[in-house]
Amino acid sequence: MCAMGVSRVPGRGRRRVVAAAAGAAAMALTLAGCASSDGGGGGGSGAAGDQLAGQSLNVVAAWSGAEQQNFEAVLQEFENRTGADVTYTSFGDNGPTYIQGQLEGGTPPNVAIIGQPALMQSLAANGDILPVAGSVRSAVEKNYAQTWVDLGSVDGDLYGVWFKAANKSMVWYNADIYDEAGATAPENWDDFLAQLGVVRDAGYAGISVGADVGWPLTDWFENVYLRTAGPEKYDQLTNHEIPWTDDSVKEALGVLAELWGSDLVQPGGAQRDFPTSVTEVFGSDPQAGTVFEADFVAGNIAADGNSTVGENALFYDFPSINGSNPAVVTGGDVAVQFTDDEATTALMEFLASPEAAEAWVPNGGLLSPNNAVDTSLYPDDVSKQVADALIGAEELRFDMSDLTPSSFGGTQGQGFWQEMISFYENPSDIDGTAQRLEDAAVEAYR
């Protein structure tokens, strides 16, 4: 209060934590009765109630800081509507490890919100999480595009409710610095490097990178790879149908090396966390003009309070490389349930409703994939444009690292995350990086 194969989480075999489910259907009907006429999900927008008074829920997710505060407001809205008591815990960047520990200890949460479809698939395959109730599935099918239904499904059963999405193909810039330097939004990758040079020549670092953990760096790779290799090879690499030693991987690493090995990047990135990289651009004493990451940067900017999204905090699309077509890498956070009881079902149904997202949207930092969310509630024109673009997109490529086995693409200190940190620190080692990535992938995809 960041085609999907199945990975396996090590530990005990199948397990189900099942509480009495009697009354779940009645609970869903009660919540639906509170809903607005066009709400499309449990919890609705009616008066506060006490249907779940005395029942407690544990919810875990990665969010901390401003994101945690905003999500706690969502959970508070659920409490107000139902009388339930919800406890939130942040697992930070260690979601797979944390969840596995809770399972092995026999204390899984009621609901976890995770960022890796591959982790959701492995938890479903092991019987650790449960398919959603019919009322939840109805809300999802009403409020979400089929892409998100498919991403939340395993073998035809719906397990996940996508609460938060991300457009991971955005480059944010401080318009005050760009204006001072005479820099402009670039037309392509070569122009991107040139404009960062203009910013550097004005006395600022061209771009700030936070590389103390690997996920921002994997986002860099995925965007470059999608543009240099194309969507078909992107899918092949995601499924490990081609090796990480493929020439297409080395080409993408070479493009990154051109930037990361230059003086366009603010020094000290290997010790800098991602929120600090945003502050270096939009804080009270900015040291750099640009930072790459998803729409959730808006929340970091708002929390810092020294810049305003839509005024001096603006963005442009990740630049085209070698004439590549416009492309978007997306990501998100999906809610899954470990227990079968009326309170858990009610929370999942609420998370599938527009009202849940609308408790966060006005505060910034949330891009909802829920089509029923009122986009006029986004706090600025920039956020609204990002939301409209995501909802209207006909084809998306999901974050590659989140689609791979968690031991490769989602675990701190190993696999994709760690090798990209090593490459950031030594961008001349293209062949060695590709080989180590392939070695890690071979182990993870067994």
Protein backbone atom coordinates (compact mmCIF):
# COMPACT_ATOMS: atom_id res chain seq x y z
CA MET A 1 0.00 0.00 0.00
CA CYS A 2 9.36 -5.02 -17.49
CA ALA A 3 4.68 -17.12 -29.32
CA MET A 4 5.48 -17.75 -25.55
CA GLY A 5 7.33 -20.78 -24.36
CA VAL A 6 6.73 -22.35 -20.96
CA SER A 7 9.46 -22.10 -18.37
CA ARG A 8 9.54 -24.11 -15.18
CA VAL A 9 10.01 -22.68 -11.74
CA PRO A 10 12.12 -25.10 -9.69
CA GLY A 11 10.68 -26.47 -6.50
CA ARG A 12 7.84 -28.69 -5.43
CA GLY A 13 5.51 -30.10 -8.06
CA ARG A 14 1.87 -29.17 -8.44
CA ARG A 15 0.20 -27.32 -5.62
CA ARG A 16 -3.07 -25.55 -5.22
CA VAL A 17 -4.02 -23.39 -2.31
CA VAL A 18 -7.79 -23.57 -2.32
CA ALA A 19 -10.07 -21.94 0.19
CA ALA A 20 -13.81 -22.43 0.27
CA ALA A 21 -15.32 -20.93 -2.84
CA ALA A 22 -18.93 -20.94 -1.70
CA GLY A 23 -20.54 -17.60 -2.30
CA ALA A 24 -18.10 -16.45 -5.00
CA ALA A 25 -20.78 -16.27 -7.65
CA ALA A 26 -23.07 -14.38 -5.30
CA MET A 27 -20.24 -12.04 -4.45
CA ALA A 28 -19.66 -11.33 -8.12
CA LEU A 29 -23.33 -10.53 -8.58
CA THR A 30 -23.30 -8.24 -5.56
CA LEU A 31 -20.31 -6.32 -6.89
CA ALA A 32 -21.79 -6.16 -10.36
CA GLY A 33 -24.87 -4.60 -8.81
CA CYS A 34 -22.67 -1.77 -7.53
CA ALA A 35 -21.21 -1.20 -10.98
CA SER A 36 -21.97 1.73 -13.16
CA SER A 37 -24.18 0.97 -16.13
CA ASP A 38 -21.18 0.95 -18.46
CA GLY A 39 -18.45 -0.10 -16.04
CA GLY A 40 -17.91 -3.57 -17.37
CA GLY A 41 -16.36 -5.09 -14.26
CA GLY A 42 -16.74 -6.03 -10.62
CA GLY A 43 -16.50 -3.33 -8.01
CA GLY A 44 -18.22 -0.82 -10.26
CA SER A 45 -18.66 2.75 -9.18
CA GLY A 46 -21.39 2.44 -6.62
CA ALA A 47 -21.48 3.21 -2.90
CA ALA A 48 -19.12 1.72 -0.36
CA GLY A 49 -20.10 -1.66 1.01
CA ASP A 50 -19.08 -4.27 3.57
CA GLN A 51 -19.74 -7.48 1.65
CA LEU A 52 -16.22 -8.71 2.45
CA ALA A 53 -15.90 -7.24 5.94
CA GLY A 54 -13.54 -9.31 8.05
CA GLN A 55 -11.80 -10.90 5.06
CA SER A 56 -8.11 -10.22 4.46
CA LEU A 57 -6.08 -10.34 1.26
CA ASN A 58 -2.36 -10.26 0.57
CA VAL A 59 -1.25 -8.70 -2.71
CA VAL A 60 2.35 -8.56 -3.98
CA ALA A 61 3.89 -6.68 -6.90
CA ALA A 62 7.13 -5.00 -7.93
CA TRP A 63 5.93 -1.44 -7.38
CA SER A 64 7.58 0.77 -4.80
CA GLY A 65 7.80 4.52 -4.22
CA ALA A 66 5.29 6.59 -6.18
CA GLU A 67 3.97 3.54 -8.04
CA GLN A 68 3.30 1.77 -4.76
CA GLN A 69 1.42 4.76 -3.40
CA ASN A 70 -0.71 4.92 -6.52
CA PHE A 71 -1.49 1.21 -6.45
CA GLU A 72 -2.36 1.42 -2.77
CA ALA A 73 -4.98 3.99 -3.77
CA VAL A 74 -6.45 1.35 -6.12
CA LEU A 75 -6.52 -1.19 -3.30
CA GLN A 76 -8.04 1.40 -0.97
CA GLU A 77 -10.85 1.91 -3.46
CA PHE A 78 -11.48 -1.84 -3.41
CA GLU A 79 -11.50 -1.80 0.39
CA ASN A 80 -13.99 1.07 0.40
CA ARG A 81 -16.30 -0.82 -1.94
CA THR A 82 -16.16 -4.19 -0.19
CA GLY A 83 -14.98 -3.81 3.40
CA ALA A 84 -12.08 -6.20 2.79
CA ASP A 85 -8.66 -5.56 4.29
CA VAL A 86 -5.78 -5.67 1.77
CA THR A 87 -2.08 -5.81 2.66
CA TYR A 88 0.43 -4.93 -0.04
CA THR A 89 4.06 -6.07 -0.25
CA SER A 90 6.64 -4.97 -2.82
CA PHE A 91 9.05 -7.64 -4.04
CA GLY A 92 11.09 -5.13 -6.05
CA ASP A 93 13.16 -6.66 -8.85
CA ASN A 94 13.06 -10.17 -7.35
CA GLY A 95 9.56 -11.33 -8.29
CA PRO A 96 10.27 -14.93 -9.39
CA THR A 97 12.55 -15.59 -6.41
CA TYR A 98 10.12 -14.01 -3.93
CA ILE A 99 7.10 -15.90 -5.24
CA GLN A 100 8.94 -19.21 -5.29
CA GLY A 101 9.98 -18.67 -1.67
CA GLN A 102 6.38 -17.95 -0.64
CA LEU A 103 5.18 -21.07 -2.43
CA GLU A 104 7.80 -23.26 -0.83
CA GLY A 105 6.92 -21.79 2.56
CA GLY A 106 3.24 -22.51 2.05
CA THR A 107 2.31 -18.83 2.25
CA PRO A 108 1.49 -17.67 -1.28
CA PRO A 109 -0.28 -14.34 -1.67
CA ASN A 110 -3.87 -14.17 -2.78
CA VAL A 111 -2.88 -12.14 -5.82
CA ALA A 112 0.47 -11.36 -7.39
CA ILE A 113 1.02 -8.80 -10.13
CA ILE A 114 3.96 -9.88 -12.23
CA GLY A 115 5.69 -8.54 -15.31
CA GLN A 116 6.60 -11.77 -17.09
CA PRO A 117 4.12 -13.82 -19.13
CA ALA A 118 6.64 -16.69 -19.04
CA LEU A 119 6.48 -16.70 -15.24
CA MET A 120 2.68 -16.75 -15.42
CA GLN A 121 2.87 -19.72 -17.78
CA SER A 122 5.23 -21.69 -15.54
CA LEU A 123 3.09 -20.99 -12.46
CA ALA A 124 0.03 -22.18 -14.37
CA ALA A 125 1.83 -25.31 -15.63
CA ASN A 126 2.83 -26.16 -12.05
CA GLY A 127 -0.69 -25.62 -10.74
CA ASP A 128 0.43 -22.78 -8.49
CA ILE A 129 -2.06 -20.25 -9.88
CA LEU A 130 -5.70 -20.75 -10.82
CA PRO A 131 -7.76 -19.85 -13.87
CA VAL A 132 -9.95 -16.83 -13.24
CA ALA A 133 -13.64 -17.17 -12.44
CA GLY A 134 -16.24 -16.80 -15.16
CA SER A 135 -17.20 -13.32 -13.95
CA VAL A 136 -13.58 -12.18 -14.24
CA ARG A 137 -13.21 -13.65 -17.72
CA SER A 138 -16.40 -11.87 -18.81
CA ALA A 139 -15.03 -8.53 -17.58
CA VAL A 140 -11.71 -9.09 -19.36
CA GLU A 141 -13.35 -10.10 -22.64
CA LYS A 142 -15.59 -7.04 -22.47
CA ASN A 143 -12.91 -4.50 -21.59
CA TYR A 144 -9.73 -5.71 -23.32
CA ALA A 145 -8.54 -6.28 -26.86
CA GLN A 146 -7.99 -9.90 -27.86
CA THR A 147 -4.20 -9.42 -27.74
CA TRP A 148 -4.36 -8.96 -23.98
CA VAL A 149 -6.78 -11.87 -23.53
CA ASP A 150 -4.35 -14.10 -25.40
CA LEU A 151 -1.37 -12.83 -23.39
CA GLY A 152 -3.24 -13.67 -20.18
CA SER A 153 -4.15 -17.20 -21.29
CA VAL A 154 -2.42 -20.56 -20.98
CA ASP A 155 -3.72 -23.52 -22.98
CA GLY A 156 -7.04 -21.81 -23.54
CA ASP A 157 -7.68 -20.90 -19.88
CA LEU A 158 -7.50 -17.29 -18.75
CA TYR A 159 -5.15 -16.86 -15.81
CA GLY A 160 -4.19 -13.20 -15.93
CA VAL A 161 -5.73 -9.74 -15.82
CA TRP A 162 -3.43 -7.15 -17.41
CA PHE A 163 -3.65 -4.16 -15.12
CA LYS A 164 -0.74 -2.05 -16.32
CA ALA A 165 0.81 -1.74 -19.76
CA ALA A 166 3.85 0.08 -21.06
CA ASN A 167 4.93 1.67 -24.30
CA LYS A 168 8.63 0.85 -24.15
CA SER A 169 9.56 2.67 -27.33
CA MET A 170 9.79 6.23 -26.03
CA VAL A 171 12.74 8.61 -25.64
CA TRP A 172 12.12 11.37 -23.10
CA TYR A 173 13.90 14.70 -23.31
CA ASN A 174 14.14 17.92 -21.33
CA ALA A 175 12.78 20.51 -23.75
CA ASP A 176 14.49 23.34 -21.85
CA ILE A 177 17.88 21.72 -22.44
CA TYR A 178 17.12 20.84 -26.04
CA ASP A 179 16.01 24.42 -26.71
CA GLU A 180 19.11 25.82 -25.04
CA ALA A 181 21.37 23.51 -27.03
CA GLY A 182 19.51 23.87 -30.30
CA ALA A 183 18.73 20.13 -30.47
CA THR A 184 15.61 18.74 -32.11
CA ALA A 185 13.69 15.46 -32.17
CA PRO A 186 15.65 13.12 -34.46
CA GLU A 187 14.50 11.62 -37.73
CA ASN A 188 16.43 8.34 -37.38
CA TRP A 189 19.17 6.62 -35.36
CA ASP A 190 22.04 8.52 -36.98
CA ASP A 191 20.26 11.80 -36.33
CA PHE A 192 19.57 10.63 -32.78
CA LEU A 193 23.29 10.29 -32.14
CA ALA A 194 23.86 13.68 -33.79
CA GLN A 195 21.28 15.40 -31.59
CA LEU A 196 22.77 13.83 -28.45
CA GLY A 197 26.07 15.34 -29.61
CA VAL A 198 24.44 18.76 -29.86
CA VAL A 199 23.25 18.41 -26.26
CA ARG A 200 26.71 17.26 -25.15
CA ASP A 201 28.32 20.25 -26.83
CA ALA A 202 26.02 22.52 -24.81
CA GLY A 203 27.56 21.23 -21.57
CA TYR A 204 25.19 18.38 -20.68
CA ALA A 205 25.45 14.65 -21.11
CA GLY A 206 23.55 13.62 -24.22
CA ILE A 207 21.72 10.81 -22.44
CA SER A 208 21.55 9.32 -18.94
CA VAL A 209 21.35 5.55 -18.41
CA GLY A 210 20.57 3.68 -15.19
CA ALA A 211 22.26 0.30 -15.52
CA ASP A 212 22.67 -0.98 -11.97
CA VAL A 213 20.06 -3.64 -12.81
CA GLY A 214 19.59 -5.19 -16.20
CA TRP A 215 16.00 -4.56 -17.22
CA PRO A 216 16.47 -1.06 -18.69
CA LEU A 217 19.33 -2.41 -20.79
CA THR A 218 17.27 -5.33 -22.11
CA ASP A 219 14.68 -2.76 -23.21
CA TRP A 220 17.40 -0.97 -25.16
CA PHE A 221 18.38 -4.20 -26.89
CA GLU A 222 14.81 -5.19 -27.72
CA ASN A 223 14.04 -1.87 -29.38
CA VAL A 224 17.23 -1.91 -31.40
CA TYR A 225 16.80 -5.57 -32.35
CA LEU A 226 13.18 -5.10 -33.46
CA ARG A 227 14.32 -2.34 -35.81
CA THR A 228 17.47 -3.99 -37.14
CA ALA A 229 16.32 -7.62 -37.36
CA GLY A 230 12.58 -7.17 -37.87
CA PRO A 231 9.54 -8.71 -36.15
CA GLU A 232 9.95 -12.24 -37.55
CA LYS A 233 13.47 -12.66 -36.19
CA TYR A 234 12.34 -10.96 -32.97
CA ASP A 235 9.85 -13.78 -32.49
CA GLN A 236 12.43 -16.41 -33.41
CA LEU A 237 14.96 -15.10 -30.92
CA THR A 238 12.27 -14.84 -28.24
CA ASN A 239 11.49 -18.54 -28.69
CA HIS A 240 15.19 -19.44 -29.04
CA GLU A 241 14.59 -20.73 -32.54
CA ILE A 242 17.78 -18.93 -33.57
CA PRO A 243 20.83 -18.66 -31.31
CA TRP A 244 22.03 -15.53 -29.57
CA THR A 245 25.22 -15.89 -31.59
CA ASP A 246 23.24 -15.15 -34.75
CA ASP A 247 24.60 -12.29 -36.84
CA SER A 248 21.37 -10.35 -36.25
CA VAL A 249 22.11 -10.26 -32.52
CA LYS A 250 25.65 -9.10 -33.10
CA GLU A 251 24.41 -6.37 -35.43
CA ALA A 252 22.07 -5.04 -32.72
CA LEU A 253 24.83 -5.19 -30.10
CA GLY A 254 27.04 -3.26 -32.50
CA VAL A 255 24.46 -0.49 -32.78
CA LEU A 256 24.26 -0.27 -28.99
CA ALA A 257 28.04 -0.31 -28.69
CA GLU A 258 28.23 2.74 -30.92
CA LEU A 259 26.21 4.67 -28.34
CA TRP A 260 27.23 3.04 -25.06
CA GLY A 261 30.93 3.26 -25.89
CA SER A 262 30.74 6.97 -26.72
CA ASP A 263 31.02 10.20 -24.74
CA LEU A 264 27.34 10.90 -25.45
CA VAL A 265 26.38 8.85 -22.37
CA GLN A 266 26.58 10.28 -18.86
CA PRO A 267 29.41 8.59 -16.92
CA GLY A 268 28.61 6.34 -13.96
CA GLY A 269 25.65 4.51 -15.48
CA ALA A 270 26.68 1.11 -14.11
CA GLN A 271 26.20 2.43 -10.56
CA ARG A 272 23.08 4.50 -11.30
CA ASP A 273 19.57 3.19 -10.73
CA PHE A 274 16.83 3.89 -13.21
CA PRO A 275 14.86 6.51 -11.16
CA THR A 276 18.06 8.49 -10.71
CA SER A 277 18.65 8.47 -14.47
CA VAL A 278 15.28 10.23 -14.84
CA THR A 279 16.17 12.75 -12.13
CA GLU A 280 19.45 13.47 -13.94
CA VAL A 281 17.35 14.75 -16.84
CA PHE A 282 14.28 16.25 -15.16
CA GLY A 283 15.42 17.08 -11.61
CA SER A 284 16.26 20.42 -10.04
CA ASP A 285 19.84 20.32 -11.35
CA PRO A 286 19.71 18.39 -14.64
CA GLN A 287 22.95 16.92 -15.89
CA ALA A 288 21.70 15.24 -19.08
CA GLY A 289 19.21 16.04 -21.79
CA THR A 290 17.67 12.67 -22.58
CA VAL A 291 16.59 9.37 -21.03
CA PHE A 292 15.12 6.30 -22.71
CA GLU A 293 12.33 4.27 -21.21
CA ALA A 294 8.62 3.60 -21.18
CA ASP A 295 5.64 5.80 -20.43
CA PHE A 296 6.06 5.11 -16.70
CA VAL A 297 8.83 7.73 -16.77
CA ALA A 298 5.98 10.22 -16.43
CA GLY A 299 5.35 8.93 -12.91
CA ASN A 300 9.01 9.38 -11.97
CA ILE A 301 8.92 12.93 -13.34
CA ALA A 302 5.76 13.75 -11.41
CA ALA A 303 7.18 12.30 -8.19
CA ASP A 304 10.33 14.40 -8.53
CA GLY A 305 8.24 17.52 -9.06
CA ASN A 306 10.79 19.68 -10.87
CA SER A 307 9.53 19.21 -14.43
CA THR A 308 6.09 18.94 -15.99
CA VAL A 309 5.06 16.29 -18.49
CA GLY A 310 3.68 17.97 -21.58
CA GLU A 311 5.56 21.20 -20.94
CA ASN A 312 9.30 20.73 -20.59
CA ALA A 313 9.15 16.94 -20.25
CA LEU A 314 8.43 15.61 -23.73
CA PHE A 315 9.17 12.47 -25.73
CA TYR A 316 9.76 11.22 -29.23
CA ASP A 317 9.44 7.71 -30.63
CA PHE A 318 12.42 5.39 -30.50
CA PRO A 319 14.24 6.24 -33.73
CA SER A 320 14.14 4.22 -36.91
CA ILE A 321 17.32 2.31 -37.75
CA ASN A 322 18.32 1.64 -41.36
CA GLY A 323 14.92 2.76 -42.60
CA SER A 324 12.93 0.43 -40.32
CA ASN A 325 9.19 0.93 -40.02
CA PRO A 326 7.67 2.38 -36.83
CA ALA A 327 7.51 -0.30 -34.14
CA VAL A 328 6.47 -0.54 -30.51
CA VAL A 329 7.81 -2.81 -27.79
CA THR A 330 5.22 -3.15 -25.08
CA GLY A 331 5.27 -4.62 -21.61
CA GLY A 332 2.96 -4.83 -18.67
CA ASP A 333 1.98 -6.23 -15.32
CA VAL A 334 -0.56 -9.04 -15.05
CA ALA A 335 -2.55 -10.01 -11.97
CA VAL A 336 -2.75 -13.73 -11.18
CA GLN A 337 -4.47 -15.50 -8.30
CA PHE A 338 -3.13 -18.23 -6.04
CA THR A 339 -6.29 -18.86 -4.00
CA ASP A 340 -9.91 -19.66 -4.84
CA ASP A 341 -12.19 -17.68 -2.55
CA GLU A 342 -14.78 -14.95 -2.89
CA ALA A 343 -12.52 -12.10 -1.79
CA THR A 344 -9.78 -13.02 -4.28
CA THR A 345 -12.30 -13.38 -7.10
CA ALA A 346 -13.82 -10.02 -6.20
CA LEU A 347 -10.41 -8.33 -6.30
CA MET A 348 -9.54 -9.89 -9.66
CA GLU A 349 -12.87 -8.74 -11.07
CA PHE A 350 -12.26 -5.24 -9.73
CA LEU A 351 -8.79 -5.14 -11.31
CA ALA A 352 -10.43 -6.00 -14.65
CA SER A 353 -12.81 -3.06 -14.34
CA PRO A 354 -12.12 0.46 -15.62
CA GLU A 355 -12.78 1.87 -12.16
CA ALA A 356 -9.66 0.19 -10.76
CA ALA A 357 -7.37 1.82 -13.32
CA GLU A 358 -9.22 5.12 -13.00
CA ALA A 359 -8.18 5.29 -9.33
CA TRP A 360 -4.56 5.59 -10.52
CA VAL A 361 -4.71 7.12 -14.01
CA PRO A 362 -5.19 10.78 -12.92
CA ASN A 363 -2.00 10.59 -10.82
CA GLY A 364 0.19 9.70 -13.80
CA GLY A 365 2.47 6.74 -14.34
CA LEU A 366 -0.22 4.25 -15.35
CA LEU A 367 -0.95 3.23 -18.92
CA SER A 368 -3.97 0.96 -18.85
CA PRO A 369 -4.65 -1.63 -21.57
CA ASN A 370 -8.30 -1.60 -20.49
CA ASN A 371 -10.32 -0.20 -23.41
CA ALA A 372 -13.12 0.97 -21.09
CA VAL A 373 -10.94 3.38 -19.13
CA ASP A 374 -11.90 7.02 -19.66
CA THR A 375 -8.82 8.40 -21.43
CA SER A 376 -9.85 11.97 -20.57
CA LEU A 377 -8.71 11.16 -17.01
CA TYR A 378 -5.06 10.97 -18.02
CA PRO A 379 -3.30 13.92 -16.39
CA ASP A 380 -1.89 15.49 -19.55
CA ASP A 381 -2.11 15.36 -23.32
CA VAL A 382 1.12 13.39 -23.57
CA SER A 383 -0.20 10.56 -21.39
CA LYS A 384 -3.49 10.52 -23.24
CA GLN A 385 -1.70 10.29 -26.60
CA VAL A 386 0.39 7.36 -25.36
CA ALA A 387 -2.73 5.58 -24.09
CA ASP A 388 -4.64 6.15 -27.33
CA ALA A 389 -1.67 4.84 -29.34
CA LEU A 390 -1.40 1.66 -27.28
CA ILE A 391 -5.11 0.91 -27.34
CA GLY A 392 -5.31 1.59 -31.06
CA ALA A 393 -2.24 -0.44 -32.01
CA GLU A 394 -3.04 -3.34 -34.32
CA GLU A 395 0.25 -5.17 -33.78
CA LEU A 396 2.52 -5.13 -30.75
CA ARG A 397 5.71 -6.96 -29.86
CA PHE A 398 5.80 -7.78 -26.17
CA ASP A 399 8.96 -7.25 -24.16
CA MET A 400 11.27 -10.10 -25.14
CA SER A 401 12.83 -10.63 -21.72
CA ASP A 402 9.38 -11.06 -20.18
CA LEU A 403 8.49 -13.79 -22.68
CA THR A 404 11.59 -15.86 -22.05
CA PRO A 405 12.11 -18.27 -19.12
CA SER A 406 12.47 -16.26 -15.90
CA SER A 407 15.91 -17.71 -15.20
CA PHE A 408 17.09 -16.10 -18.44
CA GLY A 409 15.02 -12.95 -18.86
CA GLY A 410 13.74 -11.97 -15.43
CA THR A 411 16.22 -12.76 -12.68
CA GLN A 412 18.62 -10.26 -11.21
CA GLY A 413 22.31 -11.17 -11.46
CA GLN A 414 22.06 -13.72 -14.26
CA GLY A 415 21.04 -14.33 -17.86
CA PHE A 416 19.86 -11.50 -20.09
CA TRP A 417 19.90 -8.91 -17.30
CA GLN A 418 23.44 -9.61 -16.15
CA GLU A 419 24.97 -10.02 -19.58
CA MET A 420 23.58 -6.69 -20.72
CA ILE A 421 25.13 -5.03 -17.66
CA SER A 422 28.45 -6.64 -18.53
CA PHE A 423 28.09 -5.47 -22.12
CA TYR A 424 27.23 -1.93 -21.00
CA GLU A 425 30.45 -1.88 -19.01
CA ASN A 426 32.47 -3.33 -21.94
CA PRO A 427 30.61 -2.61 -25.20
CA SER A 428 33.53 -3.70 -27.34
CA ASP A 429 32.94 -7.35 -26.36
CA ILE A 430 30.24 -8.15 -28.92
CA ASP A 431 31.23 -11.73 -29.70
CA GLY A 432 31.80 -12.66 -26.07
CA THR A 433 28.48 -11.15 -25.02
CA ALA A 434 26.60 -13.03 -27.74
CA GLN A 435 28.21 -16.32 -26.70
CA ARG A 436 27.44 -15.81 -23.00
CA LEU A 437 23.83 -14.93 -23.84
CA GLU A 438 23.56 -18.11 -25.91
CA ASP A 439 25.08 -20.21 -23.13
CA ALA A 440 22.57 -18.79 -20.65
CA ALA A 441 19.67 -19.32 -23.06
CA VAL A 442 20.60 -22.96 -23.71
CA GLU A 443 20.53 -23.60 -19.97
CA ALA A 444 17.25 -21.76 -19.41
CA TYR A 445 15.28 -23.26 -22.31
CA ARG A 446 16.01 -26.88 -21.41
